[in-house]
N, C-alpha and C. Protein backbone atom coordinates (compact mmCIF):
# COMPACT_ATOMS: atom_id res chain seq x y z
N MET A 1 -0.68 13.26 15.41
CA MET A 1 0.19 12.01 15.79
C MET A 1 -0.83 10.43 14.84
N GLY A 2 -1.90 10.79 14.92
CA GLY A 2 -2.75 9.67 14.36
C GLY A 2 -2.65 8.31 15.63
N ILE A 3 -3.58 7.10 15.09
CA ILE A 3 -3.51 5.94 15.85
C ILE A 3 -2.71 5.20 15.10
N GLN A 4 -2.08 3.76 16.38
CA GLN A 4 -1.43 2.73 15.76
C GLN A 4 -2.70 1.88 15.40
N VAL A 5 -1.97 1.24 14.30
CA VAL A 5 -3.13 0.29 13.42
C VAL A 5 -2.82 -1.15 13.94
N VAL A 6 -3.69 -2.26 14.24
CA VAL A 6 -3.49 -3.37 13.64
C VAL A 6 -4.32 -3.98 12.90
N SER A 7 -3.81 -5.27 12.17
CA SER A 7 -4.86 -6.06 11.40
C SER A 7 -6.08 -6.29 11.69
N GLY A 8 -7.03 -5.85 10.71
CA GLY A 8 -8.69 -5.71 11.16
C GLY A 8 -9.05 -4.81 11.48
N GLN A 9 -8.15 -3.51 11.89
CA GLN A 9 -8.96 -2.78 12.52
C GLN A 9 -8.88 -1.34 11.38
N LYS A 10 -10.21 -0.77 11.28
CA LYS A 10 -10.85 0.18 10.13
C LYS A 10 -10.75 1.41 10.97
N VAL A 11 -10.12 2.48 9.82
CA VAL A 11 -9.98 3.51 9.71
C VAL A 11 -10.89 4.41 9.23
N ILE A 12 -11.30 5.56 9.54
CA ILE A 12 -12.25 6.29 8.65
C ILE A 12 -11.56 7.64 8.12
N LEU A 13 -11.18 7.66 6.53
CA LEU A 13 -10.42 8.68 6.28
C LEU A 13 -11.31 9.88 6.10
N THR A 14 -12.33 9.70 5.26
CA THR A 14 -13.30 10.74 5.29
C THR A 14 -14.66 10.72 5.93
N GLU A 15 -15.04 11.85 6.45
CA GLU A 15 -16.17 12.07 7.26
C GLU A 15 -17.66 11.86 6.46
N SER A 16 -17.45 12.41 4.93
CA SER A 16 -18.33 12.94 4.10
C SER A 16 -17.69 12.38 2.85
N LEU A 17 -18.21 12.03 1.65
CA LEU A 17 -17.88 12.18 0.15
C LEU A 17 -17.35 13.46 -0.11
N GLU A 18 -17.96 14.49 0.38
CA GLU A 18 -17.70 16.06 0.24
C GLU A 18 -16.32 16.48 0.87
N SER A 19 -15.49 15.57 1.54
CA SER A 19 -14.74 16.06 2.78
C SER A 19 -13.71 16.11 2.06
N ALA A 20 -12.52 16.29 2.88
CA ALA A 20 -11.11 16.19 2.08
C ALA A 20 -10.80 14.77 1.41
N SER A 21 -10.03 14.78 0.44
CA SER A 21 -9.99 13.83 -0.50
C SER A 21 -8.61 13.36 -1.06
N LYS A 22 -7.42 13.81 -0.36
CA LYS A 22 -6.11 13.86 -0.56
C LYS A 22 -5.42 13.61 0.29
N PHE A 23 -4.75 11.93 0.00
CA PHE A 23 -3.84 11.62 1.38
C PHE A 23 -2.60 10.67 0.97
N ILE A 24 -1.54 10.95 1.76
CA ILE A 24 -0.39 10.77 1.37
C ILE A 24 -0.36 9.00 2.25
N PHE A 25 0.22 7.75 1.35
CA PHE A 25 0.78 6.55 2.14
C PHE A 25 1.82 6.48 2.10
N LYS A 26 2.64 6.36 3.03
CA LYS A 26 3.85 6.02 3.06
C LYS A 26 4.23 5.00 3.77
N MET A 27 5.35 4.33 3.06
CA MET A 27 5.90 3.04 3.62
C MET A 27 7.31 3.59 3.81
N GLU A 28 7.91 3.15 5.30
CA GLU A 28 9.29 3.62 4.91
C GLU A 28 10.05 2.20 5.73
N ILE A 29 11.34 1.71 4.99
CA ILE A 29 11.34 0.33 5.35
C ILE A 29 13.34 0.85 5.76
N GLU A 30 13.76 0.21 6.50
CA GLU A 30 14.67 0.34 7.07
C GLU A 30 16.00 -0.37 6.43
N ASN A 31 16.75 0.35 6.24
CA ASN A 31 17.85 -0.37 5.10
C ASN A 31 19.11 -1.39 5.73
N ARG A 32 18.44 -2.18 6.43
CA ARG A 32 19.48 -3.00 7.35
C ARG A 32 20.16 -3.98 6.64
N PHE A 33 19.98 -4.31 5.16
CA PHE A 33 20.40 -5.31 4.57
C PHE A 33 21.59 -4.57 3.54
N LYS A 34 21.52 -3.16 3.59
CA LYS A 34 22.62 -2.53 2.67
C LYS A 34 22.59 -2.95 1.12
N GLY A 35 21.10 -2.87 0.26
CA GLY A 35 21.19 -3.18 -0.39
C GLY A 35 20.62 -4.96 -1.19
N THR A 36 20.54 -5.63 -0.24
CA THR A 36 20.32 -6.99 -0.80
C THR A 36 18.82 -7.20 -0.40
N PHE A 37 18.30 -6.04 0.05
CA PHE A 37 16.65 -6.17 0.46
C PHE A 37 15.76 -4.94 0.21
N ASP A 38 14.79 -4.77 -0.35
CA ASP A 38 13.79 -4.03 -0.79
C ASP A 38 12.44 -4.34 -1.08
N MET A 39 11.83 -3.41 -0.87
CA MET A 39 10.07 -3.52 -0.72
C MET A 39 9.88 -2.71 -1.77
N ASP A 40 8.71 -3.08 -2.95
CA ASP A 40 8.25 -1.88 -3.69
C ASP A 40 6.76 -2.00 -3.29
N LEU A 41 6.28 -0.81 -3.33
CA LEU A 41 4.73 -0.18 -2.76
C LEU A 41 4.32 -0.40 -4.12
N PHE A 42 2.95 -1.06 -4.16
CA PHE A 42 2.09 -0.83 -5.31
C PHE A 42 0.50 -0.74 -4.67
N ALA A 43 -0.04 0.24 -5.23
CA ALA A 43 -1.78 0.48 -5.25
C ALA A 43 -2.46 0.12 -6.17
N VAL A 44 -3.46 -0.85 -6.12
CA VAL A 44 -4.15 -1.44 -7.02
C VAL A 44 -5.50 -1.09 -7.22
N ASN A 45 -5.77 -0.27 -8.15
CA ASN A 45 -7.40 -0.14 -8.26
C ASN A 45 -8.14 -1.28 -8.43
N ILE A 46 -9.17 -1.71 -7.64
CA ILE A 46 -10.00 -2.94 -8.26
C ILE A 46 -11.21 -2.57 -8.31
N GLU A 47 -11.77 -2.77 -9.60
CA GLU A 47 -13.45 -2.36 -10.06
C GLU A 47 -14.29 -3.43 -9.37
N LYS A 48 -15.59 -2.52 -9.25
CA LYS A 48 -16.62 -3.11 -8.50
C LYS A 48 -16.95 -4.39 -9.07
N ASN A 49 -16.38 -4.82 -10.39
CA ASN A 49 -16.80 -6.54 -10.77
C ASN A 49 -15.61 -6.97 -10.84
N ALA A 50 -14.20 -6.93 -9.87
CA ALA A 50 -13.33 -7.31 -9.39
C ALA A 50 -12.48 -7.87 -10.82
N ILE A 51 -11.82 -6.87 -11.41
CA ILE A 51 -11.31 -6.47 -12.66
C ILE A 51 -10.31 -5.51 -12.06
N ALA A 52 -9.02 -5.64 -12.75
CA ALA A 52 -7.95 -4.34 -12.12
C ALA A 52 -7.19 -4.42 -13.69
N ASN A 53 -7.54 -3.24 -14.15
CA ASN A 53 -6.73 -2.60 -15.17
C ASN A 53 -5.25 -2.72 -14.86
N LYS A 54 -4.22 -3.10 -15.88
CA LYS A 54 -2.96 -2.96 -15.58
C LYS A 54 -2.45 -1.79 -15.53
N GLU A 55 -3.10 -0.82 -16.16
CA GLU A 55 -2.36 0.91 -16.14
C GLU A 55 -2.97 1.90 -15.17
N ASN A 56 -3.91 0.67 -14.07
CA ASN A 56 -4.18 1.06 -13.05
C ASN A 56 -3.48 0.60 -11.99
N ILE A 57 -2.60 -0.02 -12.02
CA ILE A 57 -1.73 -0.65 -11.14
C ILE A 57 -0.09 0.34 -10.91
N VAL A 58 -0.65 1.11 -9.92
CA VAL A 58 0.64 1.77 -9.96
C VAL A 58 1.99 1.50 -8.98
N PHE A 59 3.41 1.59 -9.67
CA PHE A 59 4.26 1.30 -8.88
C PHE A 59 5.65 1.74 -9.47
N TYR A 60 6.42 1.84 -8.78
CA TYR A 60 7.86 2.21 -9.32
C TYR A 60 8.17 2.58 -10.88
N ASN A 61 7.13 1.20 -11.76
CA ASN A 61 7.31 1.61 -12.59
C ASN A 61 6.29 1.78 -13.83
N ASN A 62 5.09 2.10 -13.20
CA ASN A 62 3.92 2.95 -13.69
C ASN A 62 3.81 3.71 -12.51
N VAL A 63 3.93 4.88 -12.27
CA VAL A 63 3.83 6.08 -11.70
C VAL A 63 2.53 7.05 -11.25
N LYS A 64 1.91 6.57 -12.56
CA LYS A 64 0.68 6.78 -11.97
C LYS A 64 -1.06 6.42 -13.22
N ASP A 65 -1.89 6.18 -12.10
CA ASP A 65 -2.81 5.20 -13.03
C ASP A 65 -3.49 6.45 -13.97
N ILE A 66 -4.79 6.04 -14.74
CA ILE A 66 -5.33 6.64 -16.00
C ILE A 66 -5.60 7.98 -15.50
N GLY A 67 -6.29 8.08 -14.72
CA GLY A 67 -7.16 9.53 -14.51
C GLY A 67 -6.06 10.06 -13.51
N LYS A 68 -4.77 10.05 -13.16
CA LYS A 68 -3.84 10.67 -12.39
C LYS A 68 -4.44 10.59 -10.63
N SER A 69 -5.42 9.92 -10.43
CA SER A 69 -6.12 10.03 -8.95
C SER A 69 -4.79 9.28 -8.29
N ILE A 70 -3.93 8.24 -8.56
CA ILE A 70 -3.10 7.43 -7.84
C ILE A 70 -1.38 7.97 -8.50
N LEU A 71 -0.67 8.46 -7.60
CA LEU A 71 0.58 8.84 -7.80
C LEU A 71 2.18 7.88 -7.14
N TYR A 72 3.05 7.80 -7.71
CA TYR A 72 3.89 6.97 -6.65
C TYR A 72 5.35 7.74 -6.72
N SER A 73 6.01 7.45 -5.73
CA SER A 73 7.24 8.38 -5.88
C SER A 73 8.00 7.47 -4.66
N GLU A 74 9.59 7.74 -5.07
CA GLU A 74 10.09 7.10 -3.86
C GLU A 74 11.56 7.66 -3.45
N VAL A 75 11.70 7.68 -2.35
CA VAL A 75 13.37 8.21 -2.02
C VAL A 75 14.31 6.93 -1.73
N TYR A 76 15.21 7.01 -2.13
CA TYR A 76 16.32 6.13 -1.52
C TYR A 76 17.15 6.76 -0.72
N ASP A 77 17.54 6.48 0.79
CA ASP A 77 18.76 7.28 1.73
C ASP A 77 19.27 5.68 2.37
N TYR A 78 20.55 5.64 3.24
CA TYR A 78 21.36 4.81 3.27
C TYR A 78 20.42 3.72 4.62
N GLU A 79 19.86 4.76 5.17
CA GLU A 79 19.19 4.19 6.44
C GLU A 79 17.65 3.63 5.96
N ILE A 80 17.16 4.58 5.55
CA ILE A 80 15.56 4.26 4.84
C ILE A 80 15.33 4.57 3.39
N PHE A 81 14.62 3.42 3.39
CA PHE A 81 13.86 3.52 2.21
C PHE A 81 12.48 3.77 2.09
N GLU A 82 12.13 5.20 1.25
CA GLU A 82 10.50 5.46 1.46
C GLU A 82 9.98 5.44 0.35
N LYS A 83 8.58 4.85 0.28
CA LYS A 83 7.55 4.44 -0.89
C LYS A 83 6.61 5.38 -0.44
N LYS A 84 6.23 6.04 -1.58
CA LYS A 84 4.75 6.58 -1.23
C LYS A 84 3.83 6.68 -2.18
N ILE A 85 2.34 6.97 -2.21
CA ILE A 85 1.31 6.71 -3.00
C ILE A 85 0.98 8.05 -2.25
N ASP A 86 0.22 9.12 -3.43
CA ASP A 86 -0.48 10.15 -3.00
C ASP A 86 -1.99 9.66 -3.83
N LEU A 87 -2.94 9.90 -3.08
CA LEU A 87 -4.58 9.10 -3.43
C LEU A 87 -5.12 10.53 -3.28
N ASP A 88 -6.08 10.99 -4.73
CA ASP A 88 -6.85 11.98 -4.64
C ASP A 88 -8.20 11.17 -4.72
N ILE A 89 -9.01 10.75 -3.80
CA ILE A 89 -10.09 9.94 -4.14
C ILE A 89 -11.29 10.77 -4.96
N ARG A 90 -11.45 12.08 -4.66
CA ARG A 90 -12.13 12.60 -5.74
C ARG A 90 -11.73 12.27 -7.22
N LEU A 91 -10.69 11.76 -8.00
CA LEU A 91 -10.28 11.39 -9.22
C LEU A 91 -10.61 10.32 -9.36
N LEU A 92 -10.55 9.06 -8.40
CA LEU A 92 -10.90 8.06 -8.69
C LEU A 92 -12.13 7.66 -9.77
N PRO A 93 -12.34 6.79 -10.36
CA PRO A 93 -12.99 6.27 -11.12
C PRO A 93 -14.17 5.74 -10.44
N GLU A 94 -15.47 6.28 -11.02
CA GLU A 94 -16.91 5.51 -10.33
C GLU A 94 -16.99 4.04 -10.27
N ALA A 95 -15.93 3.25 -11.18
CA ALA A 95 -16.20 1.85 -11.03
C ALA A 95 -15.31 1.14 -9.63
N THR A 96 -14.13 2.53 -9.35
CA THR A 96 -13.77 1.47 -8.21
C THR A 96 -14.29 1.08 -7.24
N ASP A 97 -13.75 0.15 -6.63
CA ASP A 97 -14.41 -0.73 -5.44
C ASP A 97 -13.53 -0.66 -4.22
N LYS A 98 -12.20 -0.93 -4.39
CA LYS A 98 -11.28 -0.53 -3.21
C LYS A 98 -9.78 0.19 -4.28
N ILE A 99 -8.91 0.38 -2.94
CA ILE A 99 -7.52 0.50 -3.58
C ILE A 99 -6.79 -0.42 -2.67
N VAL A 100 -6.20 -1.51 -3.09
CA VAL A 100 -5.41 -2.30 -2.25
C VAL A 100 -3.77 -2.11 -2.53
N MET A 101 -3.15 -1.38 -0.87
CA MET A 101 -2.06 -1.22 -0.90
C MET A 101 -1.26 -2.32 -0.57
N ALA A 102 -0.46 -2.68 -1.50
CA ALA A 102 0.29 -3.96 -1.10
C ALA A 102 1.80 -3.64 -1.33
N ALA A 103 2.65 -4.62 -0.98
CA ALA A 103 4.48 -4.37 -0.96
C ALA A 103 4.68 -5.57 -1.74
N THR A 104 5.79 -5.99 -2.43
CA THR A 104 6.33 -7.15 -2.91
C THR A 104 7.88 -7.05 -2.62
N LEU A 105 8.53 -7.92 -1.76
CA LEU A 105 9.68 -8.26 -1.33
C LEU A 105 10.77 -8.79 -2.32
N TYR A 106 11.73 -8.16 -2.22
CA TYR A 106 12.99 -8.47 -2.97
C TYR A 106 14.57 -8.71 -2.10
N ARG A 107 14.57 -9.68 -2.16
CA ARG A 107 15.91 -10.20 -1.61
C ARG A 107 17.36 -10.52 -2.10
N ASN A 108 18.24 -10.34 -2.17
CA ASN A 108 19.46 -11.22 -2.51
C ASN A 108 19.61 -12.23 -1.55
N LEU A 109 19.22 -13.32 -1.49
CA LEU A 109 19.22 -14.22 -0.06
C LEU A 109 20.62 -14.64 -0.08
N HIS A 110 21.87 -14.84 -0.67
CA HIS A 110 22.98 -15.56 -0.29
C HIS A 110 23.61 -14.16 0.16
N HIS A 111 23.30 -13.08 0.27
CA HIS A 111 23.99 -12.13 1.05
C HIS A 111 23.18 -11.53 2.29
N ALA A 112 21.86 -11.92 2.13
CA ALA A 112 20.94 -11.20 3.50
C ALA A 112 21.25 -12.83 4.52
N ASP A 113 21.22 -12.16 5.90
CA ASP A 113 21.01 -12.86 7.04
C ASP A 113 19.81 -13.42 6.78
N LYS A 114 19.64 -14.83 6.66
CA LYS A 114 17.89 -15.53 6.43
C LYS A 114 17.35 -15.22 7.92
N ASP A 115 18.04 -15.16 9.00
CA ASP A 115 17.47 -15.58 10.33
C ASP A 115 16.75 -14.13 10.77
N LYS A 116 16.78 -13.14 10.09
CA LYS A 116 16.88 -11.60 10.66
C LYS A 116 15.62 -11.27 10.00
N GLU A 117 15.53 -9.84 10.46
CA GLU A 117 13.60 -9.34 9.84
C GLU A 117 14.19 -7.61 9.98
N THR A 118 13.57 -7.19 9.23
CA THR A 118 13.93 -5.27 9.16
C THR A 118 12.44 -4.88 9.28
N GLY A 119 12.49 -3.67 10.02
CA GLY A 119 11.14 -3.23 10.21
C GLY A 119 10.76 -2.30 9.19
N PHE A 120 9.62 -1.84 9.24
CA PHE A 120 8.56 -1.01 8.23
C PHE A 120 7.55 -0.01 9.32
N THR A 121 7.15 0.76 8.43
CA THR A 121 6.20 1.55 9.12
C THR A 121 5.71 2.33 7.94
N PHE A 122 3.88 1.91 8.11
CA PHE A 122 3.39 2.36 6.90
C PHE A 122 2.49 3.16 7.59
N SER A 123 1.92 4.56 7.09
CA SER A 123 1.27 5.56 7.71
C SER A 123 0.31 6.19 5.96
N ALA A 124 -0.41 7.08 7.10
CA ALA A 124 -1.63 7.81 6.25
C ALA A 124 -1.47 9.04 7.09
N VAL A 125 -1.45 10.23 6.01
CA VAL A 125 -1.70 11.33 6.49
C VAL A 125 -2.61 12.21 5.03
N ASN A 126 -3.32 12.93 6.02
CA ASN A 126 -4.42 13.92 5.21
C ASN A 126 -3.56 15.20 4.58
N LYS A 127 -3.66 15.14 3.27
CA LYS A 127 -2.65 16.04 2.39
C LYS A 127 -3.20 17.40 2.71
N THR A 128 -4.58 17.71 2.92
CA THR A 128 -4.97 19.09 3.26
C THR A 128 -4.65 19.28 4.63
N THR A 129 -4.77 18.68 5.39
CA THR A 129 -4.43 19.35 6.89
C THR A 129 -3.23 18.86 7.45
N GLY A 130 -2.82 17.97 6.72
CA GLY A 130 -1.24 17.77 7.19
C GLY A 130 -1.25 16.81 8.47
N LEU A 131 -2.25 16.55 9.15
CA LEU A 131 -2.44 15.39 10.18
C LEU A 131 -2.33 13.96 9.64
N LYS A 132 -1.26 13.24 10.43
CA LYS A 132 -1.43 11.87 10.29
C LYS A 132 -2.79 10.99 11.17
N ILE A 133 -3.07 10.39 10.16
CA ILE A 133 -4.27 9.46 10.25
C ILE A 133 -4.06 8.29 11.27
N PHE A 134 -3.46 7.37 10.54
CA PHE A 134 -2.79 6.08 11.05
C PHE A 134 -1.52 5.79 10.78
N THR A 135 -0.81 4.95 11.67
CA THR A 135 0.49 4.13 11.67
C THR A 135 0.62 3.10 11.99
N LEU A 136 1.19 2.26 10.82
CA LEU A 136 0.88 0.61 10.87
C LEU A 136 2.42 -0.01 11.26
N LYS A 137 3.03 -0.22 12.32
CA LYS A 137 4.09 -0.74 12.35
C LYS A 137 4.41 -2.35 12.44
N GLY A 138 5.45 -2.63 11.75
CA GLY A 138 5.65 -4.58 11.52
C GLY A 138 7.48 -4.38 11.12
N SER A 139 7.36 -5.84 10.93
CA SER A 139 8.78 -6.11 10.46
C SER A 139 8.75 -7.53 9.44
N ILE A 140 9.54 -7.28 8.99
CA ILE A 140 9.41 -7.83 7.33
C ILE A 140 10.33 -9.61 7.77
N PRO A 141 10.22 -10.37 7.21
CA PRO A 141 11.30 -11.50 7.40
C PRO A 141 12.61 -11.49 6.50
N ALA A 142 13.67 -11.87 6.52
CA ALA A 142 14.64 -11.62 5.05
C ALA A 142 14.39 -13.01 4.35
N ASN A 143 13.67 -14.07 4.96
CA ASN A 143 13.47 -15.25 4.28
C ASN A 143 12.02 -15.54 3.79
N GLY A 144 11.57 -15.75 3.01
CA GLY A 144 9.95 -16.64 2.80
C GLY A 144 8.75 -16.05 2.15
N LYS A 145 8.19 -14.92 2.65
CA LYS A 145 7.11 -14.28 2.51
C LYS A 145 7.71 -13.19 1.09
N GLU A 146 6.74 -13.67 0.29
CA GLU A 146 7.03 -12.56 -1.44
C GLU A 146 6.14 -11.30 -1.23
N THR A 147 4.77 -11.65 -0.87
CA THR A 147 3.84 -10.34 -0.69
C THR A 147 3.20 -9.78 0.88
N LEU A 148 3.33 -8.82 0.79
CA LEU A 148 2.90 -8.04 2.00
C LEU A 148 1.36 -7.08 1.35
N VAL A 149 0.32 -7.63 1.94
CA VAL A 149 -1.19 -6.77 1.62
C VAL A 149 -0.94 -5.81 3.22
N LEU A 150 -0.94 -4.58 3.08
CA LEU A 150 -0.95 -3.86 3.75
C LEU A 150 -2.24 -3.18 4.37
N GLY A 151 -3.19 -3.14 3.24
CA GLY A 151 -4.66 -2.63 3.48
C GLY A 151 -5.35 -2.64 2.46
N GLU A 152 -6.50 -2.09 2.44
CA GLU A 152 -7.19 -1.39 1.82
C GLU A 152 -7.97 -0.11 2.10
N VAL A 153 -7.89 0.74 0.63
CA VAL A 153 -8.92 1.92 0.76
C VAL A 153 -10.12 1.61 0.48
N TYR A 154 -11.43 1.75 0.86
CA TYR A 154 -12.71 1.43 0.20
C TYR A 154 -13.96 2.44 0.76
N ARG A 155 -14.78 2.39 0.15
CA ARG A 155 -15.95 3.44 0.13
C ARG A 155 -17.00 2.31 0.81
N TYR A 156 -17.48 3.34 2.20
CA TYR A 156 -18.61 2.58 2.79
C TYR A 156 -19.87 3.43 3.13
N LYS A 157 -20.69 3.94 2.71
CA LYS A 157 -21.83 4.31 2.42
C LYS A 157 -21.37 5.74 2.20
N ASP A 158 -21.38 6.66 3.02
CA ASP A 158 -20.81 8.08 2.71
C ASP A 158 -19.53 8.28 3.11
N THR A 159 -18.60 7.56 3.46
CA THR A 159 -17.40 7.31 3.93
C THR A 159 -16.05 6.86 2.97
N TRP A 160 -15.05 7.08 3.05
CA TRP A 160 -13.82 6.08 2.18
C TRP A 160 -13.08 6.15 3.86
N ARG A 161 -12.71 4.37 3.83
CA ARG A 161 -12.22 3.89 4.71
C ARG A 161 -10.98 3.42 4.47
N PHE A 162 -10.09 2.91 5.59
CA PHE A 162 -9.25 2.13 5.51
C PHE A 162 -9.05 1.00 6.39
N ASN A 163 -8.98 -0.24 5.72
CA ASN A 163 -9.17 -1.56 6.54
C ASN A 163 -7.63 -2.01 6.36
N THR A 164 -7.10 -2.21 7.59
CA THR A 164 -5.70 -2.69 8.02
C THR A 164 -5.51 -4.20 7.56
N VAL A 165 -4.72 -4.87 6.72
CA VAL A 165 -4.96 -6.08 6.27
C VAL A 165 -3.76 -6.55 7.31
N ASN A 166 -2.41 -5.95 7.02
CA ASN A 166 -1.08 -6.82 7.57
C ASN A 166 -0.78 -8.15 7.22
N ASN A 167 -0.92 -8.53 6.05
CA ASN A 167 -0.65 -10.27 6.15
C ASN A 167 0.15 -10.45 4.82
N TYR A 168 1.03 -11.65 5.33
CA TYR A 168 2.06 -11.85 4.34
C TYR A 168 1.48 -13.00 3.28
N SER A 169 2.13 -13.11 2.07
CA SER A 169 1.66 -14.28 1.42
C SER A 169 2.86 -15.05 1.02
N ASP A 170 2.93 -16.19 0.44
CA ASP A 170 3.78 -16.94 -0.14
C ASP A 170 3.85 -16.71 -1.74
N GLU A 171 2.48 -15.77 -1.90
CA GLU A 171 2.22 -15.70 -3.67
C GLU A 171 2.73 -14.55 -4.36
N ASN A 172 3.12 -14.15 -5.44
CA ASN A 172 3.06 -13.23 -5.75
C ASN A 172 2.06 -12.26 -5.63
N LEU A 173 2.21 -10.72 -6.40
CA LEU A 173 1.14 -9.97 -6.04
C LEU A 173 -0.51 -10.40 -6.91
N LEU A 174 -0.04 -10.73 -8.43
CA LEU A 174 -1.20 -11.45 -9.14
C LEU A 174 -1.67 -12.17 -8.28
N GLY A 175 -0.96 -13.49 -7.99
CA GLY A 175 -1.95 -14.63 -7.11
C GLY A 175 -2.48 -13.95 -5.92
N VAL A 176 -2.08 -12.95 -5.08
CA VAL A 176 -2.63 -12.12 -3.96
C VAL A 176 -3.86 -11.54 -4.70
N LEU A 177 -3.84 -11.06 -5.55
CA LEU A 177 -5.10 -9.96 -5.99
C LEU A 177 -5.84 -11.02 -6.41
N ASN A 178 -5.57 -12.31 -7.16
CA ASN A 178 -6.76 -13.54 -7.56
C ASN A 178 -7.23 -14.07 -6.29
N ASN A 179 -6.14 -14.67 -5.38
CA ASN A 179 -6.94 -15.56 -4.44
C ASN A 179 -7.61 -14.90 -3.42
N ILE A 180 -7.41 -13.82 -2.88
CA ILE A 180 -7.77 -12.65 -1.81
C ILE A 180 -9.02 -11.97 -2.39
N TYR A 181 -9.03 -11.26 -3.19
CA TYR A 181 -9.67 -10.51 -4.15
C TYR A 181 -10.44 -10.66 -5.05
N ASN A 182 -10.37 -12.02 -5.55
CA ASN A 182 -10.97 -12.55 -6.85
C ASN A 182 -10.94 -11.81 -8.08
N ALA A 183 -9.86 -10.96 -7.97
CA ALA A 183 -9.23 -10.13 -8.93
C ALA A 183 -8.64 -10.69 -10.35
N LYS A 184 -9.54 -10.11 -11.14
CA LYS A 184 -8.67 -10.58 -12.91
C LYS A 184 -8.14 -9.03 -13.06
N VAL A 185 -6.54 -9.33 -13.87
CA VAL A 185 -6.07 -8.11 -13.99
C VAL A 185 -6.01 -8.37 -15.66
N TYR A 186 -6.44 -7.02 -16.17
CA TYR A 186 -6.43 -7.31 -17.93
C TYR A 186 -5.18 -5.87 -18.39
């Protein structure tokens, strides 16, 4: 079942650099506004020198990174939108510092009720064992914010971990990458 995480909580994904390396990060969004609201999930590979190659930003329009270590897929259902990132840590480039998981929000505001919000769930599953590692539950305002930083996968000594961020921003994704992570996209 995994644990429920909150902002700032860190979760160990691997016990060692040789242990399980394949994970699924899944975001489920309630389709409360029936076509007037959507979120796009992104996985951004930020290198140790705070640079992100645009070909290593994975989302609906770029479904894999250069090394095929990060893959994107999505399923739209009437009730739930499901966005997934498959991550194989062993295939990440040596220069990888962290993988930022973020979502951008899209809405047709003249149709959406601006005082409402919709729920989301973000979770991680160990693809090898099938066990859920963690779940983050939250809600998204129908009006106001542009980008949601869910968290980041990073290496710490001999382990890979996930740092839960769960922070909204008025800035677009590139602005968030620059202001929070000091990352430049090329």
